[in-house]
Protein backbone atom coordinates (compact mmCIF):
# COMPACT_ATOMS: atom_id res chain seq x y z
CA UNK A 1 -24.86 98.62 86.30
CA UNK A 2 -23.69 102.21 87.44
CA UNK A 3 -22.31 104.79 85.47
CA UNK A 4 -18.75 104.09 86.67
CA UNK A 5 -19.19 100.62 85.85
CA UNK A 6 -20.47 100.81 82.35
CA UNK A 7 -17.42 103.12 81.51
CA UNK A 8 -15.35 100.63 82.82
CA UNK A 9 -16.87 97.73 81.09
CA UNK A 10 -16.67 99.72 77.82
CA UNK A 11 -13.13 100.55 78.60
CA UNK A 12 -12.15 96.93 78.82
CA UNK A 13 -13.94 95.62 76.08
CA UNK A 14 -12.35 97.90 73.87
CA UNK A 15 -8.76 97.61 75.15
CA UNK A 16 -9.35 93.63 74.81
CA UNK A 17 -10.60 94.17 71.30
CA UNK A 18 -7.56 96.04 70.28
CA UNK A 19 -5.10 93.33 71.69
CA UNK A 20 -6.84 90.11 70.74
CA UNK A 21 -9.15 91.19 67.99
CA UNK A 22 -12.26 90.02 69.44
CA UNK A 23 -14.53 90.96 72.63
CA UNK A 24 -13.96 89.21 75.99
CA UNK A 25 -16.55 86.57 76.93
CA UNK A 26 -16.83 87.88 80.53
CA UNK A 27 -15.55 90.33 82.95
CA UNK A 28 -14.95 89.52 86.60
CA UNK A 29 -14.22 92.25 89.38
CA UNK A 30 -13.03 91.80 92.91
CA UNK A 31 -13.05 94.70 95.63
CA UNK A 32 -10.24 95.86 97.97
CA UNK A 33 -11.02 95.98 101.70
CA UNK A 34 -10.28 98.23 104.81
CA UNK A 35 -10.39 96.37 108.09
CA UNK A 36 -12.49 98.21 110.69
CA UNK A 37 -10.58 96.33 113.59
CA UNK A 38 -9.08 93.04 114.17
CA UNK A 39 -5.43 93.79 112.75
CA UNK A 40 -3.03 91.00 112.66
CA UNK A 41 -5.56 88.52 114.53
CA UNK A 42 -6.37 86.44 111.33
CA UNK A 43 -2.95 84.63 111.19
CA UNK A 44 -3.60 83.72 114.90
CA UNK A 45 -6.90 82.09 114.35
CA UNK A 46 -8.60 85.16 115.58
CA UNK A 47 -11.62 87.31 114.88
CA UNK A 48 -11.65 90.01 112.25
CA UNK A 49 -14.01 92.89 110.96
CA UNK A 50 -13.33 94.01 107.59
CA UNK A 51 -15.54 95.98 104.97
CA UNK A 52 -15.15 95.65 101.04
CA UNK A 53 -14.66 99.28 99.51
CA UNK A 54 -15.51 100.55 96.18
CA UNK A 55 -12.24 100.05 94.84
CA UNK A 56 -11.90 97.00 92.47
CA UNK A 57 -9.65 95.04 90.60
CA UNK A 58 -11.17 94.14 87.01
CA UNK A 59 -10.08 91.36 84.63
CA UNK A 60 -11.74 90.97 81.01
CA UNK A 61 -11.16 87.25 79.99
CA UNK A 62 -11.65 84.64 77.39
CA UNK A 63 -10.68 81.41 76.70
CA UNK A 64 -7.77 80.22 74.51
CA UNK A 65 -7.58 77.00 72.26
CA UNK A 66 -3.93 76.14 73.61
CA UNK A 67 -2.47 76.36 77.36
CA UNK A 68 -1.13 79.58 77.01
CA UNK A 69 -2.11 82.33 79.30
CA UNK A 70 -1.70 85.98 77.75
CA UNK A 71 -2.38 88.94 79.99
CA UNK A 72 -1.90 92.73 79.58
CA UNK A 73 -1.71 94.93 82.43
CA UNK A 74 -3.34 98.29 81.40
CA UNK A 75 -2.06 100.48 84.35
CA UNK A 76 1.36 99.21 84.20
CA UNK A 77 1.21 98.74 80.40
CA UNK A 78 3.00 95.49 80.84
CA UNK A 79 2.56 92.30 78.84
CA UNK A 80 3.02 88.77 80.17
CA UNK A 81 2.96 85.44 78.51
CA UNK A 82 3.54 81.87 80.23
CA UNK A 83 2.30 78.27 79.75
CA UNK A 84 0.15 76.60 82.28
CA UNK A 85 2.43 73.61 81.79
CA UNK A 86 5.62 75.20 82.63
CA UNK A 87 4.71 78.58 84.22
CA UNK A 88 8.05 79.12 85.81
CA UNK A 89 10.29 78.80 82.63
CA UNK A 90 8.99 82.49 81.49
CA UNK A 91 10.64 85.43 82.62
CA UNK A 92 7.48 87.38 83.70
CA UNK A 93 6.50 90.61 85.84
CA UNK A 94 6.37 90.43 89.42
CA UNK A 95 2.63 90.79 89.43
CA UNK A 96 2.20 87.66 87.54
CA UNK A 97 3.25 85.40 90.23
CA UNK A 98 -0.14 85.83 91.88
CA UNK A 99 -1.58 84.65 88.80
CA UNK A 100 0.69 81.72 88.36
CA UNK A 101 0.24 80.58 92.11
CA UNK A 102 -3.34 80.80 91.68
CA UNK A 103 -3.26 78.75 88.38
CA UNK A 104 -1.09 76.16 89.95
CA UNK A 105 -3.21 75.62 92.87
CA UNK A 106 -6.39 75.52 90.91
CA UNK A 107 -4.61 72.60 88.54
CA UNK A 108 -3.09 70.83 91.59
CA UNK A 109 -5.58 71.03 94.52
CA UNK A 110 -9.13 71.55 92.74
CA UNK A 111 -9.56 70.71 89.14
CA UNK A 112 -7.50 67.43 89.05
CA UNK A 113 -9.76 66.28 91.74
CA UNK A 114 -12.85 66.80 89.76
CA UNK A 115 -11.23 65.63 86.25
CA UNK A 116 -10.73 68.99 84.66
CA UNK A 117 -7.78 71.01 83.69
CA UNK A 118 -7.22 74.66 83.15
CA UNK A 119 -7.70 76.11 79.71
CA UNK A 120 -5.35 78.94 78.45
CA UNK A 121 -6.69 82.50 78.87
CA UNK A 122 -6.55 85.79 77.09
CA UNK A 123 -6.97 88.77 79.66
CA UNK A 124 -7.02 92.36 80.23
CA UNK A 125 -6.29 93.52 83.92
CA UNK A 126 -7.20 96.87 85.29
CA UNK A 127 -8.25 98.30 88.66
CA UNK A 128 -8.14 101.41 90.84
CA UNK A 129 -7.34 99.43 94.31
CA UNK A 130 -4.25 101.54 95.30
CA UNK A 131 -1.05 99.22 95.19
CA UNK A 132 0.83 99.09 98.64
CA UNK A 133 -1.35 101.30 100.50
CA UNK A 134 -2.76 98.43 102.62
CA UNK A 135 -6.11 97.99 101.10
CA UNK A 136 -5.28 94.17 99.76
CA UNK A 137 -4.63 95.03 96.10
CA UNK A 138 -2.87 91.68 96.04
CA UNK A 139 -5.91 89.62 97.27
CA UNK A 140 -8.24 91.41 94.72
CA UNK A 141 -5.97 90.17 92.07
CA UNK A 142 -5.76 86.79 93.42
CA UNK A 143 -9.64 86.67 93.79
CA UNK A 144 -10.26 88.21 90.22
CA UNK A 145 -7.73 85.91 88.71
CA UNK A 146 -9.24 82.76 90.22
CA UNK A 147 -12.70 83.81 89.40
CA UNK A 148 -11.46 84.14 85.63
CA UNK A 149 -9.57 80.80 85.58
CA UNK A 150 -12.94 79.32 86.95
CA UNK A 151 -15.09 81.13 84.47
CA UNK A 152 -13.07 79.72 81.57
CA UNK A 153 -13.30 76.14 83.21
CA UNK A 154 -17.03 76.53 83.95
CA UNK A 155 -16.35 75.40 87.47
CA UNK A 156 -17.80 77.03 90.66
CA UNK A 157 -16.28 77.06 94.12
CA UNK A 158 -17.39 77.90 97.74
CA UNK A 159 -16.33 81.22 98.78
CA UNK A 160 -14.41 80.28 101.59
CA UNK A 161 -12.74 77.51 99.82
CA UNK A 162 -11.69 79.82 97.05
CA UNK A 163 -10.27 82.13 99.84
CA UNK A 164 -8.24 79.36 101.08
CA UNK A 165 -6.66 78.73 97.70
CA UNK A 166 -5.79 82.51 97.35
CA UNK A 167 -4.10 82.64 100.87
CA UNK A 168 -1.76 79.71 99.89
CA UNK A 169 -1.03 81.29 96.67
CA UNK A 170 0.27 84.40 98.54
CA UNK A 171 2.12 82.18 101.12
CA UNK A 172 3.72 79.58 98.95
CA UNK A 173 4.31 81.55 95.72
CA UNK A 174 4.73 85.30 96.89
CA UNK A 175 6.58 84.72 99.98
CA UNK A 176 3.92 86.88 102.20
CA UNK A 177 2.59 84.55 105.40
CA UNK A 178 -0.78 86.59 104.94
CA UNK A 179 -4.08 85.41 106.54
CA UNK A 180 -7.45 84.30 105.42
CA UNK A 181 -9.03 87.81 105.60
CA UNK A 182 -8.20 89.49 102.51
CA UNK A 183 -9.43 86.87 99.94
CA UNK A 184 -12.47 86.24 101.97
CA UNK A 185 -13.70 89.68 102.17
CA UNK A 186 -13.04 90.24 98.76
CA UNK A 187 -14.98 87.24 97.65
CA UNK A 188 -18.13 87.87 100.49
CA UNK A 189 -17.94 91.71 100.84
CA UNK A 190 -21.48 93.34 100.91
CA UNK A 191 -22.69 96.93 100.23
CA UNK A 192 -23.07 98.66 103.70
CA UNK A 193 -22.34 95.48 105.75
CA UNK A 194 -18.99 94.49 107.60
CA UNK A 195 -18.36 90.68 107.84
CA UNK A 196 -17.58 89.54 111.18
CA UNK A 197 -15.23 86.45 110.40
CA UNK A 198 -13.81 83.52 112.55
CA UNK A 199 -10.58 82.77 111.05
CA UNK A 200 -10.37 79.34 112.62
CA UNK A 201 -13.79 77.76 111.38
CA UNK A 202 -14.50 80.24 108.61
CA UNK A 203 -17.80 80.88 109.92
CA UNK A 204 -18.87 84.25 109.08
CA UNK A 205 -21.70 86.93 109.54
CA UNK A 206 -22.58 89.82 107.59
CA UNK A 207 -23.25 92.82 110.10
CA UNK A 208 -25.08 96.11 109.04
CA UNK A 209 -22.66 98.99 109.35
CA UNK A 210 -25.65 100.99 111.04
CA UNK A 211 -23.47 104.25 110.66
CA UNK A 212 -26.66 106.47 110.88
CA UNK A 213 -25.23 109.73 109.54
CA UNK A 214 -21.55 109.00 110.11
CA UNK A 215 -19.07 107.94 107.19
CA UNK A 216 -15.90 105.68 107.13
CA UNK A 217 -13.04 107.79 105.76
CA UNK A 218 -9.83 106.28 104.48
CA UNK A 219 -6.68 108.44 104.62
CA UNK A 220 -3.30 107.49 102.81
CA UNK A 221 -0.06 108.29 104.68
CA UNK A 222 1.73 107.89 101.22
CA UNK A 223 4.31 106.12 103.20
CA UNK A 224 5.06 103.17 100.88
CA UNK A 225 5.88 99.50 102.45
CA UNK A 226 7.03 95.96 100.93
CA UNK A 227 4.81 93.29 103.01
CA UNK A 228 7.08 90.59 102.11
CA UNK A 229 10.15 92.37 103.48
CA UNK A 230 8.40 94.25 106.27
CA UNK A 231 7.96 93.15 110.02
CA UNK A 232 4.75 91.23 108.96
CA UNK A 233 6.52 88.00 108.95
CA UNK A 234 8.50 88.77 112.08
CA UNK A 235 5.41 89.40 113.70
CA UNK A 236 3.80 86.43 113.01
CA UNK A 237 6.91 84.31 114.09
CA UNK A 238 6.68 86.25 117.66
CA UNK A 239 3.31 85.02 117.99
CA UNK A 240 4.06 81.40 117.12
CA UNK A 241 6.84 81.57 119.55
CA UNK A 242 4.71 82.84 122.29
CA UNK A 243 2.37 80.10 121.68
CA UNK A 244 4.99 77.49 121.98
CA UNK A 245 6.17 78.90 125.24
CA UNK A 246 2.34 79.10 126.69
CA UNK A 247 1.95 75.35 125.54
CA UNK A 248 4.32 74.57 128.80
CA UNK A 249 1.39 75.32 130.92
CA UNK A 250 -1.62 75.21 128.41
CA UNK A 251 -0.77 72.13 126.34
CA UNK A 252 -4.23 72.18 124.38
CA UNK A 253 -3.76 75.74 123.03
CA UNK A 254 -2.82 75.85 119.17
CA UNK A 255 -2.96 79.50 118.60
CA UNK A 256 -3.45 82.69 120.81
CA UNK A 257 -7.16 82.65 119.77
CA UNK A 258 -7.01 79.89 122.52
CA UNK A 259 -5.86 81.98 125.32
CA UNK A 260 -7.87 84.39 127.48
CA UNK A 261 -6.76 87.46 128.80
CA UNK A 262 -7.07 86.08 132.20
CA UNK A 263 -4.90 82.72 131.53
CA UNK A 264 -2.46 85.07 129.75
CA UNK A 265 -2.12 87.18 132.77
CA UNK A 266 -1.06 84.00 134.83
CA UNK A 267 1.73 82.96 132.53
CA UNK A 268 2.93 86.30 130.68
CA UNK A 269 5.92 86.79 133.18
CA UNK A 270 7.42 83.25 131.75
CA UNK A 271 7.64 85.15 127.99
CA UNK A 272 10.26 87.40 126.85
CA UNK A 273 9.17 91.04 126.83
CA UNK A 274 8.83 91.68 123.42
CA UNK A 275 6.82 88.36 122.76
CA UNK A 276 4.48 89.35 125.95
CA UNK A 277 3.65 92.55 124.14
CA UNK A 278 2.92 90.72 120.66
CA UNK A 279 0.91 88.13 122.54
CA UNK A 280 -1.27 90.45 124.84
CA UNK A 281 -2.13 92.75 121.97
CA UNK A 282 -3.50 89.75 119.88
CA UNK A 283 -5.56 88.60 122.65
CA UNK A 284 -6.96 92.04 123.53
CA UNK A 285 -7.62 92.63 119.99
CA UNK A 286 -9.73 89.63 119.65
CA UNK A 287 -12.06 90.77 122.35
CA UNK A 288 -12.32 94.43 120.83
CA UNK A 289 -13.48 92.81 117.64
CA UNK A 290 -16.15 90.93 119.31
CA UNK A 291 -17.17 94.15 121.31
CA UNK A 292 -17.21 96.16 117.89
CA UNK A 293 -19.65 93.65 116.44
CA UNK A 294 -21.96 94.34 119.33
CA UNK A 295 -21.37 97.92 119.00
CA UNK A 296 -22.28 98.22 115.44
CA UNK A 297 -25.44 95.66 115.83
CA UNK A 298 -26.76 97.92 118.75
CA UNK A 299 -25.91 101.28 116.78
CA UNK A 300 -23.62 102.45 119.45
CA UNK A 301 -21.30 104.12 117.01
CA UNK A 302 -19.84 106.30 119.84
CA UNK A 303 -18.48 103.14 121.77
CA UNK A 304 -17.30 101.66 118.67
CA UNK A 305 -15.46 104.48 117.61
CA UNK A 306 -14.11 106.44 121.08
CA UNK A 307 -13.16 103.15 123.06
CA UNK A 308 -12.85 100.40 120.46
CA UNK A 309 -10.91 102.01 117.34
CA UNK A 310 -8.72 104.20 119.72
CA UNK A 311 -7.81 101.27 121.88
CA UNK A 312 -7.11 99.27 118.98
CA UNK A 313 -4.65 101.89 117.63
CA UNK A 314 -3.01 102.23 120.82
CA UNK A 315 -2.21 98.50 120.78
CA UNK A 316 -0.83 98.57 117.10
CA UNK A 317 1.29 101.56 117.89
CA UNK A 318 2.71 100.42 121.64
CA UNK A 319 2.08 96.69 121.75
CA UNK A 320 2.51 95.50 118.34
CA UNK A 321 4.67 98.31 116.86
CA UNK A 322 3.75 98.30 113.56
CA UNK A 323 2.37 101.85 113.01
CA UNK A 324 4.73 104.60 112.14
CA UNK A 325 4.96 108.40 112.71
CA UNK A 326 2.94 109.48 109.97
CA UNK A 327 0.21 107.09 111.00
CA UNK A 328 0.37 108.12 114.44
CA UNK A 329 -0.07 111.73 113.30
CA UNK A 330 -2.95 110.99 110.96
CA UNK A 331 -4.81 109.44 113.93
CA UNK A 332 -3.84 112.01 116.64
CA UNK A 333 -5.04 115.00 114.15
CA UNK A 334 -7.94 113.19 113.46
CA UNK A 335 -9.07 112.43 117.08
CA UNK A 336 -8.07 115.73 118.58
CA UNK A 337 -8.36 118.21 116.00
CA UNK A 338 -11.44 117.37 113.73
CA UNK A 339 -14.72 117.70 115.18
CA UNK A 340 -17.43 115.07 114.43
CA UNK A 341 -14.62 112.41 114.42
CA UNK A 342 -15.37 109.59 116.93
CA UNK A 343 -12.17 107.37 116.39
CA UNK A 344 -9.13 106.51 114.01
CA UNK A 345 -6.96 103.63 113.89
CA UNK A 346 -4.48 102.33 111.17
CA UNK A 347 -5.55 99.65 109.01
CA UNK A 348 -3.67 96.38 108.19
CA UNK A 349 -0.25 95.75 107.99
CA UNK A 350 1.54 99.00 109.37
């Protein structure tokens, strides 16, 4: 255990004891993430290439003798109490919706199938994954809370199964049509490795970063966004519209993952201009992800940065149109004004 982890553990135990009068039974953690390349491809059944970061959502928890869930969010200084039997009856903070969704699906989809029910839980929550910064604080909360509920119930699930459950919780309860990438990397992230994930089959490969003497630097524009009310859901709908139109000529496709760039060029003129731009970006980005895996595997960091990352940002800026002036300025400054920078791009939703 690192010094940082030890300090955090001590703090959580102290705060838990103050609020509940005893020590927690365990502490679970889930990291945030940054996506090296493969933005907006996961909900198109495509490929992604994320890494976990050293920022975590942490939950100290113990079981209760009833069906109540008592939560305290240290960083917001907010409390939340709800019943597992009637979770929607209580007016609770917005962040509790993630936990309610996870609890509901665990009871409905998993625990009832194996003859178990969830137990009540007392928990203290804290973390240093920035909220609303595109580092997937929501998935970290879903993953950590699901691990806490499962820990109380003494049940384990396969990481990919649990990731799919967390995705459903955000889709159905929070109202964000996110993909499978965020909870998967939060569950499977490995030090000094990126995760090459096929978002259709959920097959994955741990790829050593092989950065040699280079570093990954994450910069925050401090531009706030609300994913549920942003262009995210609109982009997903535009991609689905493109698939629906292309199926007239390629009836076997079910997502943009099934369309090669060569085939797309044959029929792109049949698409509305906006839909055409969105689809082309996704198809090209899937190819870039596969090229990025090869580049890092062969330690070709220069190609990864100068050709692949820069091309990815250009696509997000011009074709998918999810960047902004501040993001574009940062990438331009990094690429043109900073010695030693091989590539720069925006990460995640935009």
